[in-house]
PDB file of N, CA and C in Angstrom:
ATOM      1  N   UNK A   1      28.324 170.637 -97.630  1.00  0.00           N
ATOM      2  CA  UNK A   1      27.551 171.691 -97.023  1.00  0.00           C
ATOM      3  C   UNK A   1      28.510 172.722 -96.421  1.00  0.00           C
ATOM      4  N   UNK A   2      28.139 173.975 -96.515  1.00  0.00           N
ATOM      5  CA  UNK A   2      28.963 175.034 -95.936  1.00  0.00           C
ATOM      6  C   UNK A   2      28.068 176.171 -95.472  1.00  0.00           C
ATOM      7  N   UNK A   3      28.652 177.049 -94.708  1.00  0.00           N
ATOM      8  CA  UNK A   3      27.978 178.278 -94.324  1.00  0.00           C
ATOM      9  C   UNK A   3      28.899 179.430 -94.680  1.00  0.00           C
ATOM     10  N   UNK A   4      28.304 180.583 -94.894  1.00  0.00           N
ATOM     11  CA  UNK A   4      29.081 181.756 -95.281  1.00  0.00           C
ATOM     12  C   UNK A   4      28.627 182.974 -94.500  1.00  0.00           C
ATOM     13  N   UNK A   5      29.560 183.902 -94.344  1.00  0.00           N
ATOM     14  CA  UNK A   5      29.242 185.223 -93.821  1.00  0.00           C
ATOM     15  C   UNK A   5      29.015 186.114 -95.034  1.00  0.00           C
ATOM     16  N   UNK A   6      27.879 186.790 -95.064  1.00  0.00           N
ATOM     17  CA  UNK A   6      27.544 187.719 -96.144  1.00  0.00           C
ATOM     18  C   UNK A   6      27.525 189.129 -95.574  1.00  0.00           C
ATOM     19  N   UNK A   7      27.988 190.096 -96.338  1.00  0.00           N
ATOM     20  CA  UNK A   7      28.054 191.475 -95.846  1.00  0.00           C
ATOM     21  C   UNK A   7      27.751 192.448 -96.977  1.00  0.00           C
ATOM     22  N   UNK A   8      26.966 193.455 -96.623  1.00  0.00           N
ATOM     23  CA  UNK A   8      26.574 194.489 -97.577  1.00  0.00           C
ATOM     24  C   UNK A   8      26.543 195.822 -96.848  1.00  0.00           C
ATOM     25  N   UNK A   9      27.095 196.851 -97.485  1.00  0.00           N
ATOM     26  CA  UNK A   9      27.049 198.210 -96.943  1.00  0.00           C
ATOM     27  C   UNK A   9      26.340 199.106 -97.945  1.00  0.00           C
ATOM     28  N   UNK A  10      25.445 199.937 -97.420  1.00  0.00           N
ATOM     29  CA  UNK A  10      24.701 200.883 -98.262  1.00  0.00           C
ATOM     30  C   UNK A  10      24.894 202.289 -97.723  1.00  0.00           C
ATOM     31  N   UNK A  11      24.977 203.238 -98.641  1.00  0.00           N
ATOM     32  CA  UNK A  11      24.939 204.655 -98.280  1.00  0.00           C
ATOM     33  C   UNK A  11      24.645 205.450 -99.545  1.00  0.00           C
ATOM     34  N   UNK A  12      24.121 206.667 -99.378  1.00  0.00           N
ATOM     35  CA  UNK A  12      23.775 207.471-100.556  1.00  0.00           C
ATOM     36  C   UNK A  12      24.993 207.861-101.400  1.00  0.00           C
ATOM     37  N   UNK A  13      26.141 208.133-100.755  1.00  0.00           N
ATOM     38  CA  UNK A  13      27.335 208.534-101.506  1.00  0.00           C
ATOM     39  C   UNK A  13      28.067 207.283-101.998  1.00  0.00           C
ATOM     40  N   UNK A  14      28.460 207.267-103.260  1.00  0.00           N
ATOM     41  CA  UNK A  14      29.190 206.106-103.791  1.00  0.00           C
ATOM     42  C   UNK A  14      30.543 205.932-103.094  1.00  0.00           C
ATOM     43  N   UNK A  15      31.048 204.741-103.159  1.00  0.00           N
ATOM     44  CA  UNK A  15      32.382 204.481-102.619  1.00  0.00           C
ATOM     45  C   UNK A  15      33.395 205.192-103.507  1.00  0.00           C
ATOM     46  N   UNK A  16      34.405 205.781-102.878  1.00  0.00           N
ATOM     47  CA  UNK A  16      35.444 206.444-103.656  1.00  0.00           C
ATOM     48  C   UNK A  16      36.501 205.424-104.080  1.00  0.00           C
ATOM     49  N   UNK A  17      37.316 205.794-105.056  1.00  0.00           N
ATOM     50  CA  UNK A  17      38.407 204.910-105.479  1.00  0.00           C
ATOM     51  C   UNK A  17      39.386 204.672-104.334  1.00  0.00           C
ATOM     52  N   UNK A  18      39.609 205.705-103.527  1.00  0.00           N
ATOM     53  CA  UNK A  18      40.522 205.573-102.390  1.00  0.00           C
ATOM     54  C   UNK A  18      39.954 204.607-101.358  1.00  0.00           C
ATOM     55  N   UNK A  19      38.658 204.727-101.055  1.00  0.00           N
ATOM     56  CA  UNK A  19      38.026 203.813-100.100  1.00  0.00           C
ATOM     57  C   UNK A  19      38.065 202.380-100.618  1.00  0.00           C
ATOM     58  N   UNK A  20      37.755 202.188-101.878  1.00  0.00           N
ATOM     59  CA  UNK A  20      37.779 200.845-102.468  1.00  0.00           C
ATOM     60  C   UNK A  20      39.183 200.244-102.394  1.00  0.00           C
ATOM     61  N   UNK A  21      40.199 201.044-102.667  1.00  0.00           N
ATOM     62  CA  UNK A  21      41.581 200.557-102.602  1.00  0.00           C
ATOM     63  C   UNK A  21      41.953 200.182-101.169  1.00  0.00           C
ATOM     64  N   UNK A  22      41.542 200.987-100.200  1.00  0.00           N
ATOM     65  CA  UNK A  22      41.812 200.671 -98.794  1.00  0.00           C
ATOM     66  C   UNK A  22      41.105 199.384 -98.371  1.00  0.00           C
ATOM     67  N   UNK A  23      39.879 199.189 -98.815  1.00  0.00           N
ATOM     68  CA  UNK A  23      39.149 197.953 -98.509  1.00  0.00           C
ATOM     69  C   UNK A  23      39.918 196.747 -99.033  1.00  0.00           C
ATOM     70  N   UNK A  24      40.383 196.824-100.274  1.00  0.00           N
ATOM     71  CA  UNK A  24      41.132 195.722-100.880  1.00  0.00           C
ATOM     72  C   UNK A  24      42.446 195.487-100.129  1.00  0.00           C
ATOM     73  N   UNK A  25      43.134 196.565 -99.717  1.00  0.00           N
ATOM     74  CA  UNK A  25      44.388 196.423 -98.968  1.00  0.00           C
ATOM     75  C   UNK A  25      44.160 195.714 -97.637  1.00  0.00           C
ATOM     76  N   UNK A  26      43.096 196.079 -96.944  1.00  0.00           N
ATOM     77  CA  UNK A  26      42.785 195.438 -95.663  1.00  0.00           C
ATOM     78  C   UNK A  26      42.502 193.953 -95.882  1.00  0.00           C
ATOM     79  N   UNK A  27      41.663 193.629 -96.857  1.00  0.00           N
ATOM     80  CA  UNK A  27      41.343 192.227 -97.134  1.00  0.00           C
ATOM     81  C   UNK A  27      42.600 191.447 -97.520  1.00  0.00           C
ATOM     82  N   UNK A  28      43.447 192.031 -98.347  1.00  0.00           N
ATOM     83  CA  UNK A  28      44.694 191.358 -98.750  1.00  0.00           C
ATOM     84  C   UNK A  28      45.613 191.120 -97.554  1.00  0.00           C
ATOM     85  N   UNK A  29      45.682 192.100 -96.643  1.00  0.00           N
ATOM     86  CA  UNK A  29      46.523 191.939 -95.448  1.00  0.00           C
ATOM     87  C   UNK A  29      46.000 190.800 -94.572  1.00  0.00           C
ATOM     88  N   UNK A  30      44.686 190.741 -94.364  1.00  0.00           N
ATOM     89  CA  UNK A  30      44.116 189.650 -93.576  1.00  0.00           C
ATOM     90  C   UNK A  30      44.352 188.305 -94.257  1.00  0.00           C
ATOM     91  N   UNK A  31      44.194 188.259 -95.573  1.00  0.00           N
ATOM     92  CA  UNK A  31      44.448 187.013 -96.290  1.00  0.00           C
ATOM     93  C   UNK A  31      45.901 186.565 -96.120  1.00  0.00           C
ATOM     94  N   UNK A  32      46.842 187.496 -96.211  1.00  0.00           N
ATOM     95  CA  UNK A  32      48.269 187.163 -96.106  1.00  0.00           C
ATOM     96  C   UNK A  32      48.654 186.720 -94.699  1.00  0.00           C
ATOM     97  N   UNK A  33      47.953 187.220 -93.680  1.00  0.00           N
ATOM     98  CA  UNK A  33      48.298 186.912 -92.287  1.00  0.00           C
ATOM     99  C   UNK A  33      47.415 185.822 -91.679  1.00  0.00           C
ATOM    100  N   UNK A  34      46.601 185.181 -92.475  1.00  0.00           N
ATOM    101  CA  UNK A  34      45.644 184.181 -91.991  1.00  0.00           C
ATOM    102  C   UNK A  34      46.345 183.112 -91.157  1.00  0.00           C
ATOM    103  N   UNK A  35      45.926 182.900 -89.890  1.00  0.00           N
ATOM    104  CA  UNK A  35      46.665 182.005 -88.992  1.00  0.00           C
ATOM    105  C   UNK A  35      46.157 180.563 -88.921  1.00  0.00           C
ATOM    106  N   UNK A  36      45.175 180.167 -89.731  1.00  0.00           N
ATOM    107  CA  UNK A  36      44.564 178.854 -89.562  1.00  0.00           C
ATOM    108  C   UNK A  36      44.905 177.874 -90.679  1.00  0.00           C
ATOM    109  N   UNK A  37      46.007 178.071 -91.344  1.00  0.00           N
ATOM    110  CA  UNK A  37      46.513 177.125 -92.335  1.00  0.00           C
ATOM    111  C   UNK A  37      45.593 176.897 -93.508  1.00  0.00           C
ATOM    112  N   UNK A  38      45.354 175.644 -93.823  1.00  0.00           N
ATOM    113  CA  UNK A  38      44.595 175.256 -95.009  1.00  0.00           C
ATOM    114  C   UNK A  38      43.089 175.508 -94.876  1.00  0.00           C
ATOM    115  N   UNK A  39      42.613 175.743 -93.679  1.00  0.00           N
ATOM    116  CA  UNK A  39      41.185 175.927 -93.442  1.00  0.00           C
ATOM    117  C   UNK A  39      40.788 177.335 -93.835  1.00  0.00           C
ATOM    118  N   UNK A  40      40.684 177.564 -95.140  1.00  0.00           N
ATOM    119  CA  UNK A  40      40.623 178.953 -95.557  1.00  0.00           C
ATOM    120  C   UNK A  40      39.936 179.206 -96.880  1.00  0.00           C
ATOM    121  N   UNK A  41      39.133 180.236 -96.873  1.00  0.00           N
ATOM    122  CA  UNK A  41      38.715 180.877 -98.116  1.00  0.00           C
ATOM    123  C   UNK A  41      38.971 182.357 -97.906  1.00  0.00           C
ATOM    124  N   UNK A  42      39.557 183.013 -98.880  1.00  0.00           N
ATOM    125  CA  UNK A  42      39.902 184.428 -98.749  1.00  0.00           C
ATOM    126  C   UNK A  42      38.697 185.319 -98.520  1.00  0.00           C
ATOM    127  N   UNK A  43      38.954 186.496 -97.989  1.00  0.00           N
ATOM    128  CA  UNK A  43      37.906 187.484 -97.754  1.00  0.00           C
ATOM    129  C   UNK A  43      37.447 188.004 -99.121  1.00  0.00           C
ATOM    130  N   UNK A  44      36.224 187.706 -99.474  1.00  0.00           N
ATOM    131  CA  UNK A  44      35.709 188.006-100.814  1.00  0.00           C
ATOM    132  C   UNK A  44      34.992 189.352-100.846  1.00  0.00           C
ATOM    133  N   UNK A  45      35.381 190.179-101.803  1.00  0.00           N
ATOM    134  CA  UNK A  45      34.709 191.449-102.067  1.00  0.00           C
ATOM    135  C   UNK A  45      34.150 191.354-103.489  1.00  0.00           C
ATOM    136  N   UNK A  46      32.838 191.531-103.626  1.00  0.00           N
ATOM    137  CA  UNK A  46      32.219 191.463-104.950  1.00  0.00           C
ATOM    138  C   UNK A  46      32.603 192.674-105.793  1.00  0.00           C
ATOM    139  N   UNK A  47      32.681 192.468-107.089  1.00  0.00           N
ATOM    140  CA  UNK A  47      32.923 193.543-108.039  1.00  0.00           C
ATOM    141  C   UNK A  47      31.581 194.176-108.391  1.00  0.00           C
ATOM    142  N   UNK A  48      31.233 195.230-107.679  1.00  0.00           N
ATOM    143  CA  UNK A  48      29.916 195.835-107.844  1.00  0.00           C
ATOM    144  C   UNK A  48      29.754 196.536-109.181  1.00  0.00           C
ATOM    145  N   UNK A  49      30.821 196.944-109.800  1.00  0.00           N
ATOM    146  CA  UNK A  49      30.704 197.595-111.107  1.00  0.00           C
ATOM    147  C   UNK A  49      30.156 196.618-112.148  1.00  0.00           C
ATOM    148  N   UNK A  50      30.512 195.346-112.018  1.00  0.00           N
ATOM    149  CA  UNK A  50      30.029 194.326-112.953  1.00  0.00           C
ATOM    150  C   UNK A  50      28.688 193.746-112.532  1.00  0.00           C
ATOM    151  N   UNK A  51      28.465 193.606-111.234  1.00  0.00           N
ATOM    152  CA  UNK A  51      27.353 192.807-110.733  1.00  0.00           C
ATOM    153  C   UNK A  51      26.216 193.593-110.096  1.00  0.00           C
ATOM    154  N   UNK A  52      26.240 194.909-110.150  1.00  0.00           N
ATOM    155  CA  UNK A  52      25.215 195.707-109.466  1.00  0.00           C
ATOM    156  C   UNK A  52      23.912 195.706-110.261  1.00  0.00           C
ATOM    157  N   UNK A  53      22.812 195.430-109.561  1.00  0.00           N
ATOM    158  CA  UNK A  53      21.486 195.529-110.161  1.00  0.00           C
ATOM    159  C   UNK A  53      20.995 196.963-110.054  1.00  0.00           C
ATOM    160  N   UNK A  54      20.000 197.287-110.832  1.00  0.00           N
ATOM    161  CA  UNK A  54      19.427 198.639-110.846  1.00  0.00           C
ATOM    162  C   UNK A  54      18.931 199.055-109.454  1.00  0.00           C
ATOM    163  N   UNK A  55      18.338 198.123-108.696  1.00  0.00           N
ATOM    164  CA  UNK A  55      17.786 198.439-107.379  1.00  0.00           C
ATOM    165  C   UNK A  55      18.848 198.521-106.295  1.00  0.00           C
ATOM    166  N   UNK A  56      20.085 198.204-106.623  1.00  0.00           N
ATOM    167  CA  UNK A  56      21.162 198.202-105.642  1.00  0.00           C
ATOM    168  C   UNK A  56      22.102 199.399-105.798  1.00  0.00           C
ATOM    169  N   UNK A  57      21.638 200.498-106.330  1.00  0.00           N
ATOM    170  CA  UNK A  57      22.510 201.632-106.606  1.00  0.00           C
ATOM    171  C   UNK A  57      23.162 202.209-105.354  1.00  0.00           C
ATOM    172  N   UNK A  58      22.553 202.017-104.183  1.00  0.00           N
ATOM    173  CA  UNK A  58      23.150 202.554-102.963  1.00  0.00           C
ATOM    174  C   UNK A  58      24.089 201.558-102.275  1.00  0.00           C
ATOM    175  N   UNK A  59      24.274 200.365-102.839  1.00  0.00           N
ATOM    176  CA  UNK A  59      25.223 199.393-102.282  1.00  0.00           C
ATOM    177  C   UNK A  59      26.629 199.823-102.677  1.00  0.00           C
ATOM    178  N   UNK A  60      27.475 200.057-101.657  1.00  0.00           N
ATOM    179  CA  UNK A  60      28.845 200.502-101.939  1.00  0.00           C
ATOM    180  C   UNK A  60      29.884 199.413-101.677  1.00  0.00           C
ATOM    181  N   UNK A  61      29.483 198.357-100.939  1.00  0.00           N
ATOM    182  CA  UNK A  61      30.429 197.290-100.602  1.00  0.00           C
ATOM    183  C   UNK A  61      29.610 196.037-100.347  1.00  0.00           C
ATOM    184  N   UNK A  62      30.096 194.896-100.874  1.00  0.00           N
ATOM    185  CA  UNK A  62      29.371 193.651-100.679  1.00  0.00           C
ATOM    186  C   UNK A  62      30.312 192.478-100.904  1.00  0.00           C
ATOM    187  N   UNK A  63      30.010 191.367-100.245  1.00  0.00           N
ATOM    188  CA  UNK A  63      30.814 190.171-100.438  1.00  0.00           C
ATOM    189  C   UNK A  63      30.317 189.032 -99.577  1.00  0.00           C
ATOM    190  N   UNK A  64      31.027 187.902 -99.636  1.00  0.00           N
ATOM    191  CA  UNK A  64      30.708 186.727 -98.830  1.00  0.00           C
ATOM    192  C   UNK A  64      31.978 185.911 -98.655  1.00  0.00           C
ATOM    193  N   UNK A  65      32.094 185.284 -97.495  1.00  0.00           N
ATOM    194  CA  UNK A  65      33.241 184.433 -97.214  1.00  0.00           C
ATOM    195  C   UNK A  65      32.749 183.121 -96.628  1.00  0.00           C
ATOM    196  N   UNK A  66      33.135 182.020 -97.266  1.00  0.00           N
ATOM    197  CA  UNK A  66      32.732 180.690 -96.806  1.00  0.00           C
ATOM    198  C   UNK A  66      33.569 180.289 -95.600  1.00  0.00           C
ATOM    199  N   UNK A  67      32.902 179.692 -94.602  1.00  0.00           N
ATOM    200  CA  UNK A  67      33.579 179.204 -93.402  1.00  0.00           C
ATOM    201  C   UNK A  67      33.763 177.695 -93.519  1.00  0.00           C
ATOM    202  N   UNK A  68      34.900 177.176 -93.041  1.00  0.00           N
ATOM    203  CA  UNK A  68      35.181 175.735 -93.181  1.00  0.00           C
ATOM    204  C   UNK A  68      34.479 174.910 -92.105  1.00  0.00           C
ATOM    205  N   UNK A  69      33.474 174.149 -92.484  1.00  0.00           N
ATOM    206  CA  UNK A  69      32.762 173.315 -91.520  1.00  0.00           C
ATOM    207  C   UNK A  69      33.562 172.083 -91.120  1.00  0.00           C
ATOM    208  N   UNK A  70      34.616 171.758 -91.890  1.00  0.00           N
ATOM    209  CA  UNK A  70      35.415 170.571 -91.558  1.00  0.00           C
ATOM    210  C   UNK A  70      36.337 170.801 -90.375  1.00  0.00           C
ATOM    211  N   UNK A  71      36.318 171.981 -89.792  1.00  0.00           N
ATOM    212  CA  UNK A  71      37.186 172.292 -88.649  1.00  0.00           C
ATOM    213  C   UNK A  71      36.382 172.917 -87.511  1.00  0.00           C
ATOM    214  N   UNK A  72      35.444 172.148 -86.904  1.00  0.00           N
ATOM    215  CA  UNK A  72      34.596 172.728 -85.871  1.00  0.00           C
ATOM    216  C   UNK A  72      35.340 173.420 -84.723  1.00  0.00           C
ATOM    217  N   UNK A  73      36.500 172.913 -84.276  1.00  0.00           N
ATOM    218  CA  UNK A  73      37.152 173.611 -83.161  1.00  0.00           C
ATOM    219  C   UNK A  73      37.589 175.037 -83.518  1.00  0.00           C
ATOM    220  N   UNK A  74      37.799 175.296 -84.810  1.00  0.00           N
ATOM    221  CA  UNK A  74      38.286 176.608 -85.219  1.00  0.00           C
ATOM    222  C   UNK A  74      37.211 177.484 -85.858  1.00  0.00           C
ATOM    223  N   UNK A  75      36.000 176.974 -85.959  1.00  0.00           N
ATOM    224  CA  UNK A  75      34.956 177.687 -86.697  1.00  0.00           C
ATOM    225  C   UNK A  75      34.734 179.101 -86.160  1.00  0.00           C
ATOM    226  N   UNK A  76      34.578 179.249 -84.851  1.00  0.00           N
ATOM    227  CA  UNK A  76      34.319 180.577 -84.291  1.00  0.00           C
ATOM    228  C   UNK A  76      35.539 181.490 -84.407  1.00  0.00           C
ATOM    229  N   UNK A  77      36.740 180.938 -84.251  1.00  0.00           N
ATOM    230  CA  UNK A  77      37.943 181.752 -84.405  1.00  0.00           C
ATOM    231  C   UNK A  77      38.075 182.252 -85.842  1.00  0.00           C
ATOM    232  N   UNK A  78      37.797 181.388 -86.805  1.00  0.00           N
ATOM    233  CA  UNK A  78      37.873 181.781 -88.210  1.00  0.00           C
ATOM    234  C   UNK A  78      36.796 182.813 -88.530  1.00  0.00           C
ATOM    235  N   UNK A  79      35.586 182.594 -88.022  1.00  0.00           N
ATOM    236  CA  UNK A  79      34.507 183.571 -88.233  1.00  0.00           C
ATOM    237  C   UNK A  79      34.903 184.919 -87.636  1.00  0.00           C
ATOM    238  N   UNK A  80      35.461 184.919 -86.449  1.00  0.00           N
ATOM    239  CA  UNK A  80      35.876 186.174 -85.821  1.00  0.00           C
ATOM    240  C   UNK A  80      37.018 186.831 -86.583  1.00  0.00           C
ATOM    241  N   UNK A  81      37.920 186.035 -87.144  1.00  0.00           N
ATOM    242  CA  UNK A  81      39.007 186.595 -87.970  1.00  0.00           C
ATOM    243  C   UNK A  81      38.417 187.383 -89.132  1.00  0.00           C
ATOM    244  N   UNK A  82      37.449 186.772 -89.821  1.00  0.00           N
ATOM    245  CA  UNK A  82      36.824 187.433 -90.964  1.00  0.00           C
ATOM    246  C   UNK A  82      36.011 188.650 -90.520  1.00  0.00           C
ATOM    247  N   UNK A  83      35.359 188.564 -89.363  1.00  0.00           N
ATOM    248  CA  UNK A  83      34.593 189.702 -88.850  1.00  0.00           C
ATOM    249  C   UNK A  83      35.518 190.840 -88.403  1.00  0.00           C
ATOM    250  N   UNK A  84      36.714 190.514 -87.916  1.00  0.00           N
ATOM    251  CA  UNK A  84      37.693 191.565 -87.596  1.00  0.00           C
ATOM    252  C   UNK A  84      38.105 192.312 -88.865  1.00  0.00           C
ATOM    253  N   UNK A  85      38.303 191.570 -89.942  1.00  0.00           N
ATOM    254  CA  UNK A  85      38.615 192.193 -91.226  1.00  0.00           C
ATOM    255  C   UNK A  85      37.475 193.116 -91.641  1.00  0.00           C
ATOM    256  N   UNK A  86      36.255 192.623 -91.529  1.00  0.00           N
ATOM    257  CA  UNK A  86      35.090 193.421 -91.893  1.00  0.00           C
ATOM    258  C   UNK A  86      34.982 194.671 -91.016  1.00  0.00           C
ATOM    259  N   UNK A  87      35.314 194.551 -89.756  1.00  0.00           N
ATOM    260  CA  UNK A  87      35.279 195.713 -88.868  1.00  0.00           C
ATOM    261  C   UNK A  87      36.250 196.787 -89.336  1.00  0.00           C
ATOM    262  N   UNK A  88      37.467 196.401 -89.695  1.00  0.00           N
ATOM    263  CA  UNK A  88      38.430 197.384 -90.201  1.00  0.00           C
ATOM    264  C   UNK A  88      37.907 198.056 -91.471  1.00  0.00           C
ATOM    265  N   UNK A  89      37.317 197.272 -92.333  1.00  0.00           N
ATOM    266  CA  UNK A  89      36.755 197.825 -93.566  1.00  0.00           C
ATOM    267  C   UNK A  89      35.616 198.783 -93.245  1.00  0.00           C
ATOM    268  N   UNK A  90      34.754 198.402 -92.315  1.00  0.00           N
ATOM    269  CA  UNK A  90      33.612 199.268 -91.982  1.00  0.00           C
ATOM    270  C   UNK A  90      34.076 200.602 -91.405  1.00  0.00           C
ATOM    271  N   UNK A  91      35.233 200.620 -90.770  1.00  0.00           N
ATOM    272  CA  UNK A  91      35.753 201.867 -90.193  1.00  0.00           C
ATOM    273  C   UNK A  91      36.138 202.894 -91.258  1.00  0.00           C
ATOM    274  N   UNK A  92      36.422 202.445 -92.474  1.00  0.00           N
ATOM    275  CA  UNK A  92      36.812 203.401 -93.519  1.00  0.00           C
ATOM    276  C   UNK A  92      35.662 203.760 -94.457  1.00  0.00           C
ATOM    277  N   UNK A  93      34.457 203.250 -94.149  1.00  0.00           N
ATOM    278  CA  UNK A  93      33.278 203.568 -94.956  1.00  0.00           C
ATOM    279  C   UNK A  93      32.249 204.293 -94.080  1.00  0.00           C
ATOM    280  N   UNK A  94      32.519 205.552 -93.749  1.00  0.00           N
ATOM    281  CA  UNK A  94      31.644 206.277 -92.825  1.00  0.00           C
ATOM    282  C   UNK A  94      30.246 206.463 -93.396  1.00  0.00           C
ATOM    283  N   UNK A  95      29.276 206.412 -92.496  1.00  0.00           N
ATOM    284  CA  UNK A  95      27.898 206.646 -92.873  1.00  0.00           C
ATOM    285  C   UNK A  95      27.205 205.474 -93.539  1.00  0.00           C
ATOM    286  N   UNK A  96      27.885 204.345 -93.669  1.00  0.00           N
ATOM    287  CA  UNK A  96      27.277 203.178 -94.324  1.00  0.00           C
ATOM    288  C   UNK A  96      26.391 202.414 -93.342  1.00  0.00           C
ATOM    289  N   UNK A  97      25.304 201.884 -93.852  1.00  0.00           N
ATOM    290  CA  UNK A  97      24.428 200.999 -93.093  1.00  0.00           C
ATOM    291  C   UNK A  97      24.776 199.566 -93.491  1.00  0.00           C
ATOM    292  N   UNK A  98      25.130 198.754 -92.512  1.00  0.00           N
ATOM    293  CA  UNK A  98      25.611 197.408 -92.785  1.00  0.00           C
ATOM    294  C   UNK A  98      24.536 196.365 -92.541  1.00  0.00           C
ATOM    295  N   UNK A  99      24.525 195.338 -93.379  1.00  0.00           N
ATOM    296  CA  UNK A  99      23.732 194.133 -93.158  1.00  0.00           C
ATOM    297  C   UNK A  99      24.711 192.972 -93.231  1.00  0.00           C
ATOM    298  N   UNK A 100      24.859 192.264 -92.111  1.00  0.00           N
ATOM    299  CA  UNK A 100      25.789 191.139 -92.018  1.00  0.00           C
ATOM    300  C   UNK A 100      24.979 189.936 -91.568  1.00  0.00           C
ATOM    301  N   UNK A 101      25.127 188.827 -92.296  1.00  0.00           N
ATOM    302  CA  UNK A 101      24.399 187.634 -91.879  1.00  0.00           C
ATOM    303  C   UNK A 101      25.190 186.373 -92.182  1.00  0.00           C
ATOM    304  N   UNK A 102      24.871 185.351 -91.425  1.00  0.00           N
ATOM    305  CA  UNK A 102      25.474 184.032 -91.546  1.00  0.00           C
ATOM    306  C   UNK A 102      24.398 183.150 -92.163  1.00  0.00           C
ATOM    307  N   UNK A 103      24.481 182.925 -93.456  1.00  0.00           N
ATOM    308  CA  UNK A 103      23.416 182.275 -94.223  1.00  0.00           C
ATOM    309  C   UNK A 103      22.081 182.934 -93.876  1.00  0.00           C
ATOM    310  N   UNK A 104      21.164 182.223 -93.226  1.00  0.00           N
ATOM    311  CA  UNK A 104      19.845 182.797 -92.932  1.00  0.00           C
ATOM    312  C   UNK A 104      19.760 183.507 -91.591  1.00  0.00           C
ATOM    313  N   UNK A 105      20.834 183.559 -90.841  1.00  0.00           N
ATOM    314  CA  UNK A 105      20.833 184.170 -89.513  1.00  0.00           C
ATOM    315  C   UNK A 105      21.424 185.573 -89.590  1.00  0.00           C
ATOM    316  N   UNK A 106      20.605 186.598 -89.344  1.00  0.00           N
ATOM    317  CA  UNK A 106      21.106 187.976 -89.317  1.00  0.00           C
ATOM    318  C   UNK A 106      21.965 188.183 -88.081  1.00  0.00           C
ATOM    319  N   UNK A 107      23.092 188.855 -88.260  1.00  0.00           N
ATOM    320  CA  UNK A 107      23.957 189.220 -87.149  1.00  0.00           C
ATOM    321  C   UNK A 107      23.727 190.690 -86.841  1.00  0.00           C
ATOM    322  N   UNK A 108      23.540 191.008 -85.583  1.00  0.00           N
ATOM    323  CA  UNK A 108      23.340 192.397 -85.183  1.00  0.00           C
ATOM    324  C   UNK A 108      24.664 193.137 -85.335  1.00  0.00           C
ATOM    325  N   UNK A 109      24.751 194.044 -86.293  1.00  0.00           N
ATOM    326  CA  UNK A 109      25.993 194.766 -86.593  1.00  0.00           C
ATOM    327  C   UNK A 109      25.699 196.254 -86.512  1.00  0.00           C
ATOM    328  N   UNK A 110      26.268 196.894 -85.517  1.00  0.00           N
ATOM    329  CA  UNK A 110      26.079 198.334 -85.388  1.00  0.00           C
ATOM    330  C   UNK A 110      27.441 199.007 -85.413  1.00  0.00           C
ATOM    331  N   UNK A 111      27.440 200.291 -85.664  1.00  0.00           N
ATOM    332  CA  UNK A 111      28.697 201.037 -85.708  1.00  0.00           C
ATOM    333  C   UNK A 111      29.381 201.031 -84.345  1.00  0.00           C
ATOM    334  N   UNK A 112      28.586 201.058 -83.278  1.00  0.00           N
ATOM    335  CA  UNK A 112      29.148 201.095 -81.924  1.00  0.00           C
ATOM    336  C   UNK A 112      29.599 199.722 -81.451  1.00  0.00           C
ATOM    337  N   UNK A 113      28.791 198.710 -81.732  1.00  0.00           N
ATOM    338  CA  UNK A 113      29.080 197.354 -81.241  1.00  0.00           C
ATOM    339  C   UNK A 113      29.070 196.383 -82.403  1.00  0.00           C
ATOM    340  N   UNK A 114      30.245 195.981 -82.848  1.00  0.00           N
ATOM    341  CA  UNK A 114      30.323 194.985 -83.919  1.00  0.00           C
ATOM    342  C   UNK A 114      29.927 193.632 -83.339  1.00  0.00           C
ATOM    343  N   UNK A 115      29.767 192.657 -84.190  1.00  0.00           N
ATOM    344  CA  UNK A 115      29.369 191.319 -83.747  1.00  0.00           C
ATOM    345  C   UNK A 115      30.591 190.419 -83.603  1.00  0.00           C
ATOM    346  N   UNK A 116      30.601 189.593 -82.564  1.00  0.00           N
ATOM    347  CA  UNK A 116      31.641 188.578 -82.382  1.00  0.00           C
ATOM    348  C   UNK A 116      30.989 187.291 -81.920  1.00  0.00           C
ATOM    349  N   UNK A 117      31.563 186.163 -82.340  1.00  0.00           N
ATOM    350  CA  UNK A 117      31.113 184.855 -81.859  1.00  0.00           C
ATOM    351  C   UNK A 117      31.887 184.528 -80.582  1.00  0.00           C
ATOM    352  N   UNK A 118      31.300 183.759 -79.670  1.00  0.00           N
ATOM    353  CA  UNK A 118      32.042 183.330 -78.484  1.00  0.00           C
ATOM    354  C   UNK A 118      33.128 182.342 -78.884  1.00  0.00           C
ATOM    355  N   UNK A 119      34.294 182.458 -78.271  1.00  0.00           N
ATOM    356  CA  UNK A 119      35.385 181.507 -78.576  1.00  0.00           C
ATOM    357  C   UNK A 119      35.632 180.611 -77.397  1.00  0.00           C
TER     358      UNK A 119
END
């Protein structure tokens, strides 16, 4: 059994190649600097060019990252690490409306106040 953080950003203007490259660079940097050893799944960004449905034309960014349930003491720290990565990514996608959830639990994510778990 596992839980995952899911994230989707929508806006009328498509993501630019520069924005997409910056998103990938941020995710790669977080993956390379991950401080929790083996308890890890990389920050996943879906390939929307391959996987976009007709009704999802305004989705510019989407992905999911599995959290390791075998390490309860680090669960919130790992979740916050991934949410920090997502925050940096959200900063380079202006005007996007975000939906972030932990399996069936919606996380309140606003441009002014990002979401964090208590540590």
